[in-house]
Each structure stands twice: as C-alpha cells, then as structure tokens.
N, C-alpha and C. Protein backbone atom coordinates (compact mmCIF):
# COMPACT_ATOMS: atom_id res chain seq x y z
N MET A 1 58.93 -14.05 -27.36
CA MET A 1 59.01 -12.96 -26.50
C MET A 1 57.38 -12.46 -26.53
N LEU A 2 56.74 -12.08 -25.30
CA LEU A 2 55.01 -11.99 -25.80
C LEU A 2 55.11 -10.25 -25.63
N ARG A 3 54.59 -9.63 -26.77
CA ARG A 3 53.92 -8.49 -27.08
C ARG A 3 52.97 -8.28 -25.84
N PRO A 4 52.94 -6.89 -26.00
CA PRO A 4 51.47 -6.59 -24.79
C PRO A 4 50.12 -6.73 -26.07
N LEU A 5 48.88 -6.59 -25.32
CA LEU A 5 47.76 -6.65 -26.39
C LEU A 5 47.81 -5.15 -26.76
N PRO A 6 47.32 -4.91 -28.08
CA PRO A 6 47.03 -3.84 -28.21
C PRO A 6 45.76 -3.13 -27.94
N LYS A 7 45.73 -2.09 -27.36
CA LYS A 7 44.16 -1.55 -26.73
C LYS A 7 42.74 -1.68 -27.55
N ARG A 8 42.08 -2.44 -26.63
CA ARG A 8 40.50 -2.56 -27.43
C ARG A 8 40.10 -1.48 -27.65
N PRO A 9 39.07 -1.31 -29.24
CA PRO A 9 38.69 -0.15 -29.29
C PRO A 9 37.38 0.20 -28.49
N PHE A 10 37.01 -0.54 -27.99
CA PHE A 10 35.77 0.15 -27.27
C PHE A 10 36.46 0.58 -26.14
N ASP A 11 37.77 0.83 -26.15
CA ASP A 11 38.56 1.75 -24.58
C ASP A 11 38.72 3.07 -25.03
N CYS A 12 38.56 3.37 -26.09
CA CYS A 12 38.79 4.88 -26.58
C CYS A 12 37.75 5.63 -26.46
N CYS A 13 37.96 6.90 -26.62
CA CYS A 13 36.61 7.36 -26.91
C CYS A 13 36.92 9.14 -27.27
N VAL A 14 36.55 9.81 -28.06
CA VAL A 14 36.46 10.71 -28.43
C VAL A 14 35.78 12.07 -27.36
N THR A 15 36.64 13.10 -26.99
CA THR A 15 35.89 13.96 -25.91
C THR A 15 36.08 15.40 -26.60
N ARG A 16 34.75 16.31 -26.49
CA ARG A 16 34.40 17.05 -27.04
C ARG A 16 33.45 18.02 -26.12
N HIS A 17 33.93 19.51 -25.92
CA HIS A 17 33.07 20.24 -25.40
C HIS A 17 31.84 20.49 -26.30
N VAL A 18 30.73 20.48 -25.85
CA VAL A 18 29.68 20.85 -26.53
C VAL A 18 28.60 21.96 -26.03
N HIS A 19 27.99 22.29 -26.74
CA HIS A 19 27.01 23.58 -26.20
C HIS A 19 25.56 23.14 -26.78
N LEU A 20 24.44 23.38 -25.99
CA LEU A 20 22.86 22.60 -26.01
C LEU A 20 22.52 23.50 -27.12
N ASN A 21 21.50 23.16 -27.85
CA ASN A 21 21.01 24.41 -28.87
C ASN A 21 19.69 24.49 -28.61
N GLY A 22 18.60 25.22 -29.05
CA GLY A 22 17.41 25.73 -28.52
C GLY A 22 16.72 24.67 -28.22
N TYR A 23 17.01 23.17 -28.63
CA TYR A 23 16.24 22.07 -28.63
C TYR A 23 16.23 21.37 -27.52
N SER A 24 17.39 21.68 -26.78
CA SER A 24 18.04 20.81 -25.80
C SER A 24 18.94 19.77 -26.24
N GLN A 25 19.44 19.73 -27.02
CA GLN A 25 20.28 18.85 -27.48
C GLN A 25 21.48 19.07 -28.45
N VAL A 26 22.37 18.37 -28.04
CA VAL A 26 23.86 18.62 -28.76
C VAL A 26 23.94 18.12 -29.70
N THR A 27 24.79 18.74 -30.86
CA THR A 27 25.36 17.61 -31.73
C THR A 27 26.86 17.12 -31.93
N TYR A 28 26.84 16.06 -32.42
CA TYR A 28 27.71 15.47 -32.85
C TYR A 28 27.71 14.70 -34.42
N GLU A 29 28.94 14.92 -34.83
CA GLU A 29 29.21 14.75 -36.06
C GLU A 29 27.74 15.05 -36.93
N THR A 30 27.16 14.25 -37.57
CA THR A 30 25.66 14.75 -37.94
C THR A 30 24.61 14.16 -37.45
N ASN A 31 24.56 14.08 -36.12
CA ASN A 31 23.52 13.52 -35.46
C ASN A 31 23.26 14.24 -34.12
N ARG A 32 22.36 14.23 -33.78
CA ARG A 32 21.63 15.24 -32.51
C ARG A 32 21.00 14.24 -31.21
N TYR A 33 21.72 14.45 -30.00
CA TYR A 33 21.38 13.99 -28.97
C TYR A 33 20.34 14.86 -28.15
N SER A 34 19.50 14.02 -27.21
CA SER A 34 19.04 15.12 -26.53
C SER A 34 19.50 15.07 -24.76
N VAL A 35 19.24 16.40 -24.57
CA VAL A 35 19.76 16.23 -23.18
C VAL A 35 18.70 16.73 -22.04
N PRO A 36 18.34 16.52 -21.13
CA PRO A 36 17.22 17.22 -19.91
C PRO A 36 17.26 18.70 -20.29
N VAL A 37 16.22 19.64 -20.21
CA VAL A 37 16.09 20.68 -20.67
C VAL A 37 16.41 21.77 -19.35
N GLU A 38 16.84 21.12 -18.29
CA GLU A 38 17.08 21.42 -17.20
C GLU A 38 18.71 22.04 -17.29
N GLN A 39 19.12 21.81 -18.23
CA GLN A 39 20.58 22.03 -18.61
C GLN A 39 20.85 23.12 -19.65
N ALA A 40 19.61 23.63 -19.77
CA ALA A 40 19.66 24.94 -20.54
C ALA A 40 20.90 25.80 -20.67
N ARG A 41 21.71 26.35 -21.64
CA ARG A 41 22.90 27.36 -21.44
C ARG A 41 23.96 26.37 -20.46
N SER A 42 24.12 25.43 -20.81
CA SER A 42 24.93 24.71 -19.95
C SER A 42 26.24 24.50 -20.98
N HIS A 43 27.57 24.20 -20.53
CA HIS A 43 28.41 23.82 -20.96
C HIS A 43 28.93 22.19 -20.79
N LEU A 44 28.49 21.56 -21.75
CA LEU A 44 28.93 20.23 -21.57
C LEU A 44 30.01 19.33 -22.05
N ILE A 45 30.19 18.11 -21.39
CA ILE A 45 30.99 17.27 -22.30
C ILE A 45 30.13 16.00 -23.15
N LEU A 46 30.77 15.91 -24.23
CA LEU A 46 30.46 14.62 -25.00
C LEU A 46 31.76 13.78 -24.95
N LYS A 47 31.34 12.72 -24.53
CA LYS A 47 32.18 11.42 -24.90
C LYS A 47 31.63 10.26 -25.94
N ALA A 48 32.63 10.40 -26.97
CA ALA A 48 31.96 9.52 -28.17
C ALA A 48 32.47 8.15 -27.91
N TYR A 49 32.05 6.86 -27.91
CA TYR A 49 32.55 5.48 -27.79
C TYR A 49 32.09 5.48 -29.04
N PRO A 50 32.62 4.15 -29.75
CA PRO A 50 32.40 3.40 -30.84
C PRO A 50 30.50 2.75 -30.53
N PHE A 51 30.49 2.64 -29.71
CA PHE A 51 29.04 1.80 -29.94
C PHE A 51 28.12 2.86 -28.96
N HIS A 52 28.48 3.98 -28.48
CA HIS A 52 27.72 4.83 -27.46
C HIS A 52 28.25 6.10 -27.47
N ILE A 53 27.29 7.12 -27.19
CA ILE A 53 27.36 8.52 -26.82
C ILE A 53 27.22 8.75 -25.48
N GLU A 54 27.89 9.65 -24.22
CA GLU A 54 27.53 10.05 -23.12
C GLU A 54 28.10 11.21 -23.11
N ILE A 55 26.92 12.08 -22.42
CA ILE A 55 26.67 13.50 -22.41
C ILE A 55 27.18 14.18 -20.95
N LEU A 56 28.11 14.56 -20.23
CA LEU A 56 28.32 15.13 -18.98
C LEU A 56 28.29 16.35 -18.75
N SER A 57 27.89 16.45 -17.13
CA SER A 57 27.74 18.27 -17.21
C SER A 57 29.31 18.26 -16.93
N ASN A 58 29.86 19.42 -16.69
CA ASN A 58 30.82 20.10 -16.52
C ASN A 58 31.69 19.24 -15.15
N GLN A 59 30.68 18.88 -14.32
CA GLN A 59 31.50 18.51 -12.79
C GLN A 59 31.64 16.85 -13.17
N GLY A 60 31.46 16.29 -14.60
CA GLY A 60 31.53 15.09 -14.64
C GLY A 60 30.35 14.09 -14.43
N CYS A 61 29.05 14.39 -14.22
CA CYS A 61 28.00 13.95 -13.72
C CYS A 61 27.28 13.45 -14.93
N SER A 62 27.09 12.11 -15.51
CA SER A 62 26.34 11.81 -16.38
C SER A 62 24.54 12.27 -16.78
N LEU A 63 24.54 12.91 -17.57
CA LEU A 63 23.21 13.39 -18.12
C LEU A 63 22.48 12.62 -19.12
N ALA A 64 23.28 11.87 -20.04
CA ALA A 64 22.45 11.28 -20.71
C ALA A 64 23.47 10.27 -21.71
N THR A 65 23.11 9.16 -21.92
CA THR A 65 23.46 8.34 -22.71
C THR A 65 22.56 7.78 -23.86
N SER A 66 23.24 7.69 -25.25
CA SER A 66 22.51 6.90 -26.21
C SER A 66 23.22 5.98 -27.21
N ALA A 67 22.71 5.46 -27.87
CA ALA A 67 23.42 4.13 -28.72
C ALA A 67 24.05 5.29 -29.59
N ALA A 68 25.29 5.00 -30.35
CA ALA A 68 25.68 5.43 -31.55
C ALA A 68 24.87 5.44 -32.72
N LEU A 69 24.61 6.32 -32.82
CA LEU A 69 23.65 6.55 -34.42
C LEU A 69 24.31 6.49 -35.45
N ASP A 70 23.58 6.13 -36.70
CA ASP A 70 24.12 6.44 -38.23
C ASP A 70 23.76 7.59 -38.38
N THR A 71 24.33 8.21 -39.29
CA THR A 71 24.33 9.42 -40.09
C THR A 71 22.99 10.03 -40.31
N SER A 72 23.01 11.33 -39.48
CA SER A 72 21.77 12.33 -39.65
C SER A 72 20.46 12.09 -39.13
N LYS A 73 20.94 11.45 -37.91
CA LYS A 73 19.39 10.84 -36.96
C LYS A 73 19.86 11.95 -35.59
N MET A 74 18.44 11.31 -34.93
CA MET A 74 17.93 12.05 -33.60
C MET A 74 18.03 10.96 -32.61
N SER A 75 18.64 11.27 -31.38
CA SER A 75 18.23 10.23 -30.48
C SER A 75 17.46 11.27 -29.40
N LEU A 76 16.22 11.09 -29.17
CA LEU A 76 15.71 12.27 -28.00
C LEU A 76 14.91 11.30 -27.27
N ASP A 77 15.48 11.61 -26.01
CA ASP A 77 14.75 10.82 -24.76
C ASP A 77 13.32 11.77 -24.27
N PRO A 78 12.31 11.48 -24.36
CA PRO A 78 10.93 11.99 -24.20
C PRO A 78 11.13 12.76 -22.25
N LEU A 79 11.98 11.62 -21.76
CA LEU A 79 11.92 12.05 -20.41
C LEU A 79 12.79 13.20 -20.15
N HIS A 80 13.70 14.05 -21.36
CA HIS A 80 14.19 15.14 -21.47
C HIS A 80 13.49 16.36 -21.26
N TYR A 81 12.46 16.12 -21.96
CA TYR A 81 11.20 17.50 -22.25
C TYR A 81 10.05 17.61 -21.10
N LEU A 82 10.05 16.84 -20.39
CA LEU A 82 9.01 16.59 -19.33
C LEU A 82 8.88 18.20 -18.72
N LEU A 83 9.74 18.41 -18.21
CA LEU A 83 9.62 19.64 -17.67
C LEU A 83 9.14 21.11 -18.41
N LEU A 84 9.75 20.71 -19.46
CA LEU A 84 9.24 21.96 -20.51
C LEU A 84 7.88 21.70 -20.86
N LEU A 85 7.50 20.67 -20.87
CA LEU A 85 5.95 20.39 -21.23
C LEU A 85 4.85 20.51 -19.92
N GLU A 86 5.36 20.25 -18.88
CA GLU A 86 4.99 20.78 -17.76
C GLU A 86 4.59 22.38 -17.58
N ARG A 87 5.79 22.95 -18.08
CA ARG A 87 5.44 24.54 -18.09
C ARG A 87 4.39 24.77 -19.64
N ARG A 88 4.54 24.71 -20.43
CA ARG A 88 3.87 24.28 -21.42
C ARG A 88 2.70 23.29 -22.16
N PRO A 89 1.66 23.04 -21.25
CA PRO A 89 0.96 21.87 -21.34
C PRO A 89 0.32 21.62 -22.96
N GLY A 90 0.08 22.67 -23.66
CA GLY A 90 -0.40 23.27 -24.88
C GLY A 90 0.88 22.40 -25.75
N ALA A 91 1.75 22.05 -25.54
CA ALA A 91 2.62 21.72 -26.63
C ALA A 91 2.79 20.15 -26.30
N LEU A 92 1.96 19.46 -25.56
CA LEU A 92 2.03 17.63 -25.40
C LEU A 92 1.86 17.30 -26.68
N GLU A 93 0.61 17.87 -27.57
CA GLU A 93 0.26 17.18 -28.76
C GLU A 93 1.31 16.95 -29.68
N TYR A 94 2.03 18.18 -29.89
CA TYR A 94 3.17 18.69 -30.89
C TYR A 94 4.42 17.89 -30.62
N ALA A 95 4.65 17.82 -29.27
CA ALA A 95 6.28 17.76 -28.77
C ALA A 95 6.65 16.36 -29.85
N LYS A 96 7.70 16.32 -30.37
CA LYS A 96 8.45 15.21 -31.55
C LYS A 96 8.89 14.13 -30.53
N PRO A 97 9.44 14.66 -29.70
CA PRO A 97 10.13 13.38 -28.52
C PRO A 97 9.24 12.60 -27.80
N LEU A 98 7.85 12.65 -27.64
CA LEU A 98 6.92 12.12 -27.15
C LEU A 98 5.97 11.72 -28.02
N ARG A 99 5.95 11.88 -29.41
CA ARG A 99 4.99 11.25 -30.34
C ARG A 99 5.35 9.57 -30.32
N GLN A 100 6.37 9.32 -30.50
CA GLN A 100 6.68 7.53 -30.76
C GLN A 100 6.50 6.82 -28.88
N TRP A 101 6.71 7.68 -28.36
CA TRP A 101 6.37 7.51 -26.73
C TRP A 101 4.87 6.80 -26.37
N ARG A 102 4.17 7.82 -27.15
CA ARG A 102 2.67 8.01 -26.62
C ARG A 102 2.13 6.93 -27.59
N GLN A 103 2.39 6.15 -28.69
CA GLN A 103 2.25 5.34 -29.30
C GLN A 103 2.29 3.74 -28.52
N ASP A 104 3.21 4.00 -27.64
CA ASP A 104 3.91 2.67 -26.87
C ASP A 104 3.01 2.85 -25.41
N TRP A 105 2.14 3.98 -25.20
CA TRP A 105 1.87 4.15 -23.76
C TRP A 105 0.83 2.97 -23.86
N PRO A 106 0.78 2.27 -22.40
CA PRO A 106 -0.43 1.73 -21.83
C PRO A 106 -1.97 2.03 -22.16
N GLU A 107 -2.87 1.79 -22.14
CA GLU A 107 -4.07 2.13 -22.41
C GLU A 107 -4.50 2.89 -21.04
N SER A 108 -4.34 2.50 -19.68
CA SER A 108 -4.51 3.21 -18.77
C SER A 108 -3.87 4.77 -18.92
N TYR A 109 -2.89 5.21 -19.83
CA TYR A 109 -2.13 6.43 -19.63
C TYR A 109 -3.24 7.26 -20.47
N HIS A 110 -3.67 6.32 -21.75
CA HIS A 110 -4.71 7.57 -22.50
C HIS A 110 -5.74 7.61 -21.79
N ARG A 111 -6.50 6.94 -21.13
CA ARG A 111 -7.42 7.12 -19.83
C ARG A 111 -7.10 8.21 -19.05
N LEU A 112 -5.97 8.23 -18.65
CA LEU A 112 -6.01 9.05 -17.35
C LEU A 112 -5.62 10.13 -17.82
N LEU A 113 -5.27 10.44 -19.51
CA LEU A 113 -5.12 11.98 -19.62
C LEU A 113 -6.22 12.39 -19.93
N ARG A 114 -7.16 11.60 -20.49
CA ARG A 114 -8.76 12.11 -20.81
C ARG A 114 -9.04 12.29 -19.72
N ARG A 115 -9.25 11.83 -18.65
CA ARG A 115 -10.08 12.29 -17.52
C ARG A 115 -9.49 13.51 -16.99
N LEU A 116 -8.50 13.55 -16.65
CA LEU A 116 -7.71 14.32 -16.70
C LEU A 116 -7.73 16.28 -17.24
N ARG A 117 -8.26 15.31 -18.39
CA ARG A 117 -8.41 17.04 -19.31
C ARG A 117 -9.81 17.34 -19.27
N GLU A 118 -11.13 16.24 -18.91
CA GLU A 118 -12.14 16.67 -18.89
C GLU A 118 -12.23 17.06 -17.44
N GLN A 119 -11.29 16.97 -16.47
CA GLN A 119 -11.69 17.81 -15.17
C GLN A 119 -11.12 18.82 -14.96
N TRP A 120 -10.00 19.01 -15.94
CA TRP A 120 -9.00 20.56 -16.12
C TRP A 120 -9.02 20.81 -17.29
N PRO A 121 -9.83 21.57 -17.96
CA PRO A 121 -9.71 21.52 -19.41
C PRO A 121 -8.95 22.98 -19.81
N ASP A 122 -8.81 23.69 -18.36
CA ASP A 122 -7.66 24.91 -18.83
C ASP A 122 -6.08 24.55 -18.69
N GLY A 123 -5.79 23.17 -18.97
CA GLY A 123 -4.36 23.01 -19.36
C GLY A 123 -4.01 22.45 -17.77
N GLN A 124 -4.42 22.27 -16.72
CA GLN A 124 -4.24 21.96 -15.49
C GLN A 124 -3.85 20.26 -15.79
N GLY A 125 -5.12 19.88 -16.20
CA GLY A 125 -5.24 18.18 -16.40
C GLY A 125 -3.92 17.78 -17.34
N VAL A 126 -3.33 18.45 -17.75
CA VAL A 126 -2.15 18.02 -18.84
C VAL A 126 -0.96 18.29 -17.72
N LYS A 127 -1.24 19.34 -17.22
CA LYS A 127 0.16 19.38 -16.22
C LYS A 127 0.23 18.27 -15.28
N GLU A 128 -0.95 17.80 -14.64
CA GLU A 128 -0.83 16.90 -13.64
C GLU A 128 -0.45 15.49 -14.55
N PHE A 129 -1.18 15.26 -15.88
CA PHE A 129 -0.72 14.03 -16.64
C PHE A 129 0.82 14.29 -16.42
N VAL A 130 1.46 15.33 -16.69
CA VAL A 130 3.23 14.86 -16.87
C VAL A 130 3.72 14.93 -16.14
N GLN A 131 3.21 15.62 -14.79
CA GLN A 131 3.87 15.02 -13.13
C GLN A 131 3.79 13.65 -13.21
N VAL A 132 2.91 13.03 -13.63
CA VAL A 132 2.58 11.40 -13.40
C VAL A 132 3.76 10.94 -14.39
N LEU A 133 4.02 10.99 -15.69
CA LEU A 133 5.19 10.82 -16.54
C LEU A 133 6.30 11.46 -15.83
N ARG A 134 6.44 12.36 -15.54
CA ARG A 134 8.10 12.69 -14.59
C ARG A 134 8.20 11.35 -13.87
N LEU A 135 7.17 10.76 -13.30
CA LEU A 135 7.70 9.65 -12.41
C LEU A 135 8.74 8.70 -12.92
N HIS A 136 8.44 8.85 -14.40
CA HIS A 136 9.32 7.45 -14.82
C HIS A 136 10.99 7.91 -14.87
N GLN A 137 11.04 9.12 -14.26
CA GLN A 137 12.68 9.56 -14.05
C GLN A 137 12.98 8.80 -12.60
N GLN A 138 12.19 8.57 -12.25
CA GLN A 138 12.26 7.96 -10.63
C GLN A 138 12.22 6.21 -10.38
N TYR A 139 11.18 5.76 -11.22
CA TYR A 139 10.62 4.38 -10.87
C TYR A 139 10.55 3.76 -12.21
N PRO A 140 10.28 1.98 -12.08
CA PRO A 140 9.99 1.55 -13.13
C PRO A 140 8.61 1.70 -13.75
N ALA A 141 8.45 1.45 -15.10
CA ALA A 141 7.30 2.03 -15.95
C ALA A 141 6.04 0.72 -15.23
N THR A 142 6.61 -0.37 -15.07
CA THR A 142 5.74 -1.03 -14.67
C THR A 142 4.80 -0.69 -13.58
N GLN A 143 5.77 0.16 -12.55
CA GLN A 143 5.23 0.58 -11.04
C GLN A 143 4.49 1.47 -11.20
N ILE A 144 4.88 2.29 -12.33
CA ILE A 144 4.04 3.58 -12.25
C ILE A 144 2.56 3.51 -13.06
N GLU A 145 2.74 2.40 -13.90
CA GLU A 145 1.27 1.83 -14.60
C GLU A 145 0.68 1.29 -13.52
N GLN A 146 0.76 0.24 -12.76
CA GLN A 146 0.11 -0.28 -11.74
C GLN A 146 -0.70 0.99 -11.19
N ALA A 147 0.59 2.24 -10.71
CA ALA A 147 -0.39 3.06 -9.57
C ALA A 147 -1.52 3.66 -10.43
N VAL A 148 -1.26 3.96 -11.97
CA VAL A 148 -2.34 4.29 -12.98
C VAL A 148 -3.54 3.89 -12.59
N GLU A 149 -3.31 2.42 -13.01
CA GLU A 149 -4.73 1.67 -13.02
C GLU A 149 -5.40 1.28 -11.26
N GLN A 150 -4.64 1.54 -10.58
CA GLN A 150 -5.06 1.52 -9.48
C GLN A 150 -6.23 2.85 -9.19
N ALA A 151 -5.28 4.14 -9.32
CA ALA A 151 -5.84 5.44 -9.48
C ALA A 151 -6.99 5.29 -10.16
N LEU A 152 -7.25 4.96 -11.22
CA LEU A 152 -8.30 4.97 -12.40
C LEU A 152 -9.08 4.12 -11.61
N SER A 153 -9.47 3.28 -10.98
CA SER A 153 -10.15 2.13 -10.43
C SER A 153 -11.09 2.75 -9.21
N TYR A 154 -9.89 3.35 -8.26
CA TYR A 154 -10.21 3.93 -7.06
C TYR A 154 -11.32 5.45 -7.71
N GLY A 155 -11.39 5.94 -9.02
CA GLY A 155 -11.57 7.03 -9.25
C GLY A 155 -11.06 8.17 -8.72
N CYS A 156 -10.01 8.23 -8.29
CA CYS A 156 -8.68 9.30 -8.00
C CYS A 156 -7.78 9.48 -8.97
N ALA A 157 -8.35 10.03 -10.03
CA ALA A 157 -7.27 10.35 -11.24
C ALA A 157 -6.80 11.31 -10.93
N HIS A 158 -5.64 11.71 -10.34
CA HIS A 158 -4.66 12.88 -10.44
C HIS A 158 -3.54 12.74 -9.83
N PHE A 159 -2.18 13.72 -10.44
CA PHE A 159 -1.02 12.87 -9.54
C PHE A 159 -1.24 13.02 -7.96
C-alpha cells in the first residue's frame, strides 16, 4: 500500500500579526526586517517560511520579503527609507540602510549627488537625488544608471 508523501517543510509557515517599530521595522524572533515607511502605524502580517520572511498588509498585499536571517541580524532595504530621506535630506549621510548601498553605487551616482549639492546647497539637491534613487522602486538599476550618465553628459543633472 502506498502512503501519501509527508508535507515538504517549505510548504509550512508561521503567521503572526506584527507592528512596526519607530524605525519602520518588524521583529521576528531576534531579527528585524524593514518595511516601507509608508506603512507606519500599520498592523501587518508576517509569514515566516524556513528560508524567507514575507511581510504583508492586512489586505494581503506583499510589502517586503527577505531571506531568513541568522539570530540577532537586521535586513534593511534602503528603498524602504527613501520617502523619509526625501522629507529629511540631512539624514542621507547617517541613514544606516543606505550606507552599504552607497558603497556599491556606480561612480555616476556620486557625481550626480555632488553636482546637485553644489547646485542646491540648501538640501534641495539631496531631495532631487533621493527622487532619482526612488526610481529604483519601478525600474531596473541598469536603466537608471544609464539615464544618470546620460543626464550628466548633457549637463542636465536633476530629477
């Protein structure tokens, strides 16, 4: 007699209702995962699978996914914090989620940021730059990099 196969472990998940902390993060076990700042004060649903975490709105829309982490780690997606940086451009230098990403930026991004800061030293240049970074939420990175390089070559460096 054939027995049915047991459920595969990756078919199972743990589901919990979670709240965002003041840093737009949810905590699961000892790890923290970022969520877009637009979800502030939201009640969210976290689904923990063996190899990844998914965070959903109450309506079931996926807001964030991350690989499951070792203990006491953080998964911070810099795209989740861009709206906040647009409102507070002075925080760009200190924003922990952007530090690692910034090291990996193409040289053209650094040139664009320098030019925008020279053009608008009052913080408006950083706001313009963050708007360019927000394009990563909709378009592939290679396409944005090409557009930035083209804009710099034409001398029209702005959003």
